[in-house]
Amino acid sequence: MKYKVVLEFSEEGVAASVPCLSGCHSQGATEQEALQNISDAIYDYLAVIEEITKNKTVKEVEILEGYFA
């Protein structure tokens, strides 16, 4: 599965966030480190979502590609 990641570069390093996963942020000293850290954060985020949705009805909704173009 792929997620869009927003990178913000500064003198302090690289901040990374995933717009479609509210609150999913990380950082690193380099772009490569930030991408590895955000990958770890995504896995952790999804594990939490899996846990809090246990025993609940979950449905998937398909959004047509290009809908917002």
N, C-alpha and C. Protein backbone atom coordinates (compact mmCIF):
# COMPACT_ATOMS: atom_id res chain seq x y z
N MET A 1 0.85 -1.17 0.00
CA MET A 1 0.00 0.00 0.00
C MET A 1 0.90 1.23 0.00
N LYS A 2 0.51 2.23 -0.73
CA LYS A 2 1.30 3.46 -0.81
C LYS A 2 0.52 4.62 -0.19
N TYR A 3 1.25 5.50 0.46
CA TYR A 3 0.68 6.71 1.04
C TYR A 3 1.47 7.91 0.56
N LYS A 4 0.79 9.00 0.31
CA LYS A 4 1.47 10.25 -0.02
C LYS A 4 2.04 10.83 1.26
N VAL A 5 3.31 11.22 1.19
CA VAL A 5 4.02 11.78 2.34
C VAL A 5 4.48 13.19 1.97
N VAL A 6 4.24 14.12 2.85
CA VAL A 6 4.68 15.50 2.66
C VAL A 6 5.97 15.69 3.45
N LEU A 7 7.00 16.16 2.77
CA LEU A 7 8.28 16.43 3.42
C LEU A 7 8.49 17.93 3.51
N GLU A 8 8.96 18.38 4.67
CA GLU A 8 9.29 19.78 4.87
C GLU A 8 10.73 19.87 5.35
N PHE A 9 11.56 20.54 4.56
CA PHE A 9 12.98 20.65 4.85
C PHE A 9 13.27 21.93 5.63
N SER A 10 14.14 21.81 6.62
CA SER A 10 14.57 22.98 7.38
C SER A 10 16.02 22.77 7.79
N GLU A 11 16.57 23.75 8.45
CA GLU A 11 17.95 23.63 8.94
C GLU A 11 18.08 22.53 9.98
N GLU A 12 16.98 22.19 10.63
CA GLU A 12 16.99 21.19 11.70
C GLU A 12 16.81 19.77 11.19
N GLY A 13 16.46 19.60 9.91
CA GLY A 13 16.24 18.27 9.37
C GLY A 13 15.03 18.23 8.46
N VAL A 14 14.37 17.09 8.44
CA VAL A 14 13.24 16.89 7.54
C VAL A 14 12.04 16.39 8.35
N ALA A 15 10.93 17.12 8.25
CA ALA A 15 9.68 16.71 8.88
C ALA A 15 8.84 15.97 7.83
N ALA A 16 8.17 14.92 8.25
CA ALA A 16 7.34 14.13 7.35
C ALA A 16 5.95 13.96 7.95
N SER A 17 4.93 14.03 7.09
CA SER A 17 3.56 13.81 7.54
C SER A 17 2.78 13.11 6.44
N VAL A 18 1.70 12.45 6.85
CA VAL A 18 0.83 11.73 5.92
C VAL A 18 -0.54 12.40 5.99
N PRO A 19 -0.89 13.21 4.99
CA PRO A 19 -2.14 13.96 5.04
C PRO A 19 -3.39 13.11 5.26
N CYS A 20 -3.42 11.91 4.72
CA CYS A 20 -4.64 11.10 4.85
C CYS A 20 -4.71 10.34 6.18
N LEU A 21 -3.66 10.42 6.99
CA LEU A 21 -3.66 9.79 8.31
C LEU A 21 -3.46 10.88 9.35
N SER A 22 -4.55 11.42 9.82
CA SER A 22 -4.52 12.55 10.73
C SER A 22 -3.61 12.29 11.93
N GLY A 23 -2.67 13.19 12.14
CA GLY A 23 -1.77 13.06 13.28
C GLY A 23 -0.57 12.17 13.05
N CYS A 24 -0.41 11.65 11.85
CA CYS A 24 0.73 10.77 11.55
C CYS A 24 1.89 11.63 11.06
N HIS A 25 2.85 11.87 11.95
CA HIS A 25 4.00 12.72 11.67
C HIS A 25 5.27 12.06 12.18
N SER A 26 6.38 12.43 11.59
CA SER A 26 7.69 12.01 12.07
C SER A 26 8.73 12.98 11.55
N GLN A 27 9.99 12.66 11.77
CA GLN A 27 11.06 13.53 11.31
C GLN A 27 12.34 12.74 11.22
N GLY A 28 13.35 13.36 10.65
CA GLY A 28 14.66 12.74 10.56
C GLY A 28 15.70 13.78 10.21
N ALA A 29 16.95 13.42 10.41
CA ALA A 29 18.04 14.34 10.09
C ALA A 29 18.21 14.48 8.58
N THR A 30 17.87 13.42 7.84
CA THR A 30 17.97 13.42 6.38
C THR A 30 16.64 12.98 5.78
N GLU A 31 16.50 13.16 4.47
CA GLU A 31 15.27 12.71 3.79
C GLU A 31 15.09 11.20 3.95
N GLN A 32 16.16 10.46 3.77
CA GLN A 32 16.08 9.00 3.89
C GLN A 32 15.65 8.58 5.29
N GLU A 33 16.22 9.21 6.31
CA GLU A 33 15.85 8.90 7.68
C GLU A 33 14.40 9.28 7.97
N ALA A 34 13.98 10.43 7.47
CA ALA A 34 12.59 10.86 7.66
C ALA A 34 11.63 9.89 7.00
N LEU A 35 11.95 9.41 5.80
CA LEU A 35 11.08 8.45 5.11
C LEU A 35 11.02 7.12 5.86
N GLN A 36 12.14 6.67 6.40
CA GLN A 36 12.11 5.43 7.19
C GLN A 36 11.28 5.62 8.45
N ASN A 37 11.47 6.76 9.11
CA ASN A 37 10.72 7.02 10.34
C ASN A 37 9.22 7.16 10.07
N ILE A 38 8.84 7.80 8.96
CA ILE A 38 7.41 7.94 8.68
C ILE A 38 6.82 6.59 8.29
N SER A 39 7.62 5.72 7.65
CA SER A 39 7.14 4.37 7.35
C SER A 39 6.83 3.63 8.65
N ASP A 40 7.71 3.73 9.62
CA ASP A 40 7.48 3.12 10.93
C ASP A 40 6.24 3.71 11.59
N ALA A 41 6.09 5.03 11.48
CA ALA A 41 4.93 5.70 12.08
C ALA A 41 3.63 5.25 11.42
N ILE A 42 3.65 5.02 10.11
CA ILE A 42 2.46 4.54 9.41
C ILE A 42 2.08 3.15 9.92
N TYR A 43 3.04 2.25 10.04
CA TYR A 43 2.76 0.92 10.57
C TYR A 43 2.16 1.00 11.97
N ASP A 44 2.75 1.83 12.83
CA ASP A 44 2.23 1.99 14.19
C ASP A 44 0.82 2.57 14.17
N TYR A 45 0.59 3.56 13.34
CA TYR A 45 -0.72 4.21 13.22
C TYR A 45 -1.78 3.17 12.81
N LEU A 46 -1.45 2.37 11.78
CA LEU A 46 -2.41 1.38 11.29
C LEU A 46 -2.65 0.28 12.32
N ALA A 47 -1.65 -0.06 13.12
CA ALA A 47 -1.84 -1.05 14.19
C ALA A 47 -2.83 -0.53 15.23
N VAL A 48 -2.74 0.74 15.55
CA VAL A 48 -3.68 1.34 16.50
C VAL A 48 -5.09 1.34 15.92
N ILE A 49 -5.22 1.71 14.65
CA ILE A 49 -6.54 1.71 13.99
C ILE A 49 -7.13 0.31 14.01
N GLU A 50 -6.30 -0.69 13.72
CA GLU A 50 -6.75 -2.09 13.74
C GLU A 50 -7.29 -2.46 15.13
N GLU A 51 -6.58 -2.05 16.14
CA GLU A 51 -6.98 -2.37 17.52
C GLU A 51 -8.28 -1.66 17.91
N ILE A 52 -8.42 -0.39 17.58
CA ILE A 52 -9.62 0.33 18.02
C ILE A 52 -10.85 0.01 17.19
N THR A 53 -10.67 -0.65 16.05
CA THR A 53 -11.83 -1.02 15.24
C THR A 53 -12.22 -2.49 15.41
N LYS A 54 -11.52 -3.21 16.29
CA LYS A 54 -11.89 -4.60 16.57
C LYS A 54 -13.34 -4.65 17.05
N ASN A 55 -14.04 -5.66 16.59
CA ASN A 55 -15.43 -5.90 16.99
C ASN A 55 -16.37 -4.77 16.57
N LYS A 56 -15.98 -4.02 15.56
CA LYS A 56 -16.85 -2.98 15.00
C LYS A 56 -17.07 -3.27 13.53
N THR A 57 -18.18 -2.79 13.01
CA THR A 57 -18.45 -2.96 11.59
C THR A 57 -17.60 -1.97 10.81
N VAL A 58 -16.82 -2.50 9.87
CA VAL A 58 -15.93 -1.67 9.05
C VAL A 58 -16.26 -1.92 7.59
N LYS A 59 -16.46 -0.89 6.83
CA LYS A 59 -16.75 -0.99 5.40
C LYS A 59 -15.71 -0.21 4.62
N GLU A 60 -15.53 -0.57 3.36
CA GLU A 60 -14.66 0.17 2.48
C GLU A 60 -15.51 0.90 1.46
N VAL A 61 -15.10 2.11 1.12
CA VAL A 61 -15.79 2.92 0.13
C VAL A 61 -14.79 3.22 -0.97
N GLU A 62 -15.16 2.95 -2.20
CA GLU A 62 -14.27 3.23 -3.32
C GLU A 62 -14.50 4.64 -3.82
N ILE A 63 -13.42 5.36 -3.97
CA ILE A 63 -13.46 6.72 -4.52
C ILE A 63 -12.86 6.64 -5.91
N LEU A 64 -13.57 7.16 -6.89
CA LEU A 64 -13.09 7.11 -8.26
C LEU A 64 -11.85 7.98 -8.43
N GLU A 65 -10.82 7.41 -9.04
CA GLU A 65 -9.59 8.15 -9.28
C GLU A 65 -9.87 9.31 -10.22
N GLY A 66 -9.26 10.43 -9.96
CA GLY A 66 -9.46 11.60 -10.79
C GLY A 66 -10.70 12.41 -10.44
N TYR A 67 -11.41 11.99 -9.40
CA TYR A 67 -12.64 12.67 -9.01
C TYR A 67 -12.39 14.14 -8.64
N PHE A 68 -11.25 14.41 -8.02
CA PHE A 68 -10.95 15.76 -7.56
C PHE A 68 -10.06 16.53 -8.53
N ALA A 69 -9.82 15.97 -9.69
CA ALA A 69 -8.93 16.62 -10.66
C ALA A 69 -9.57 17.83 -11.28
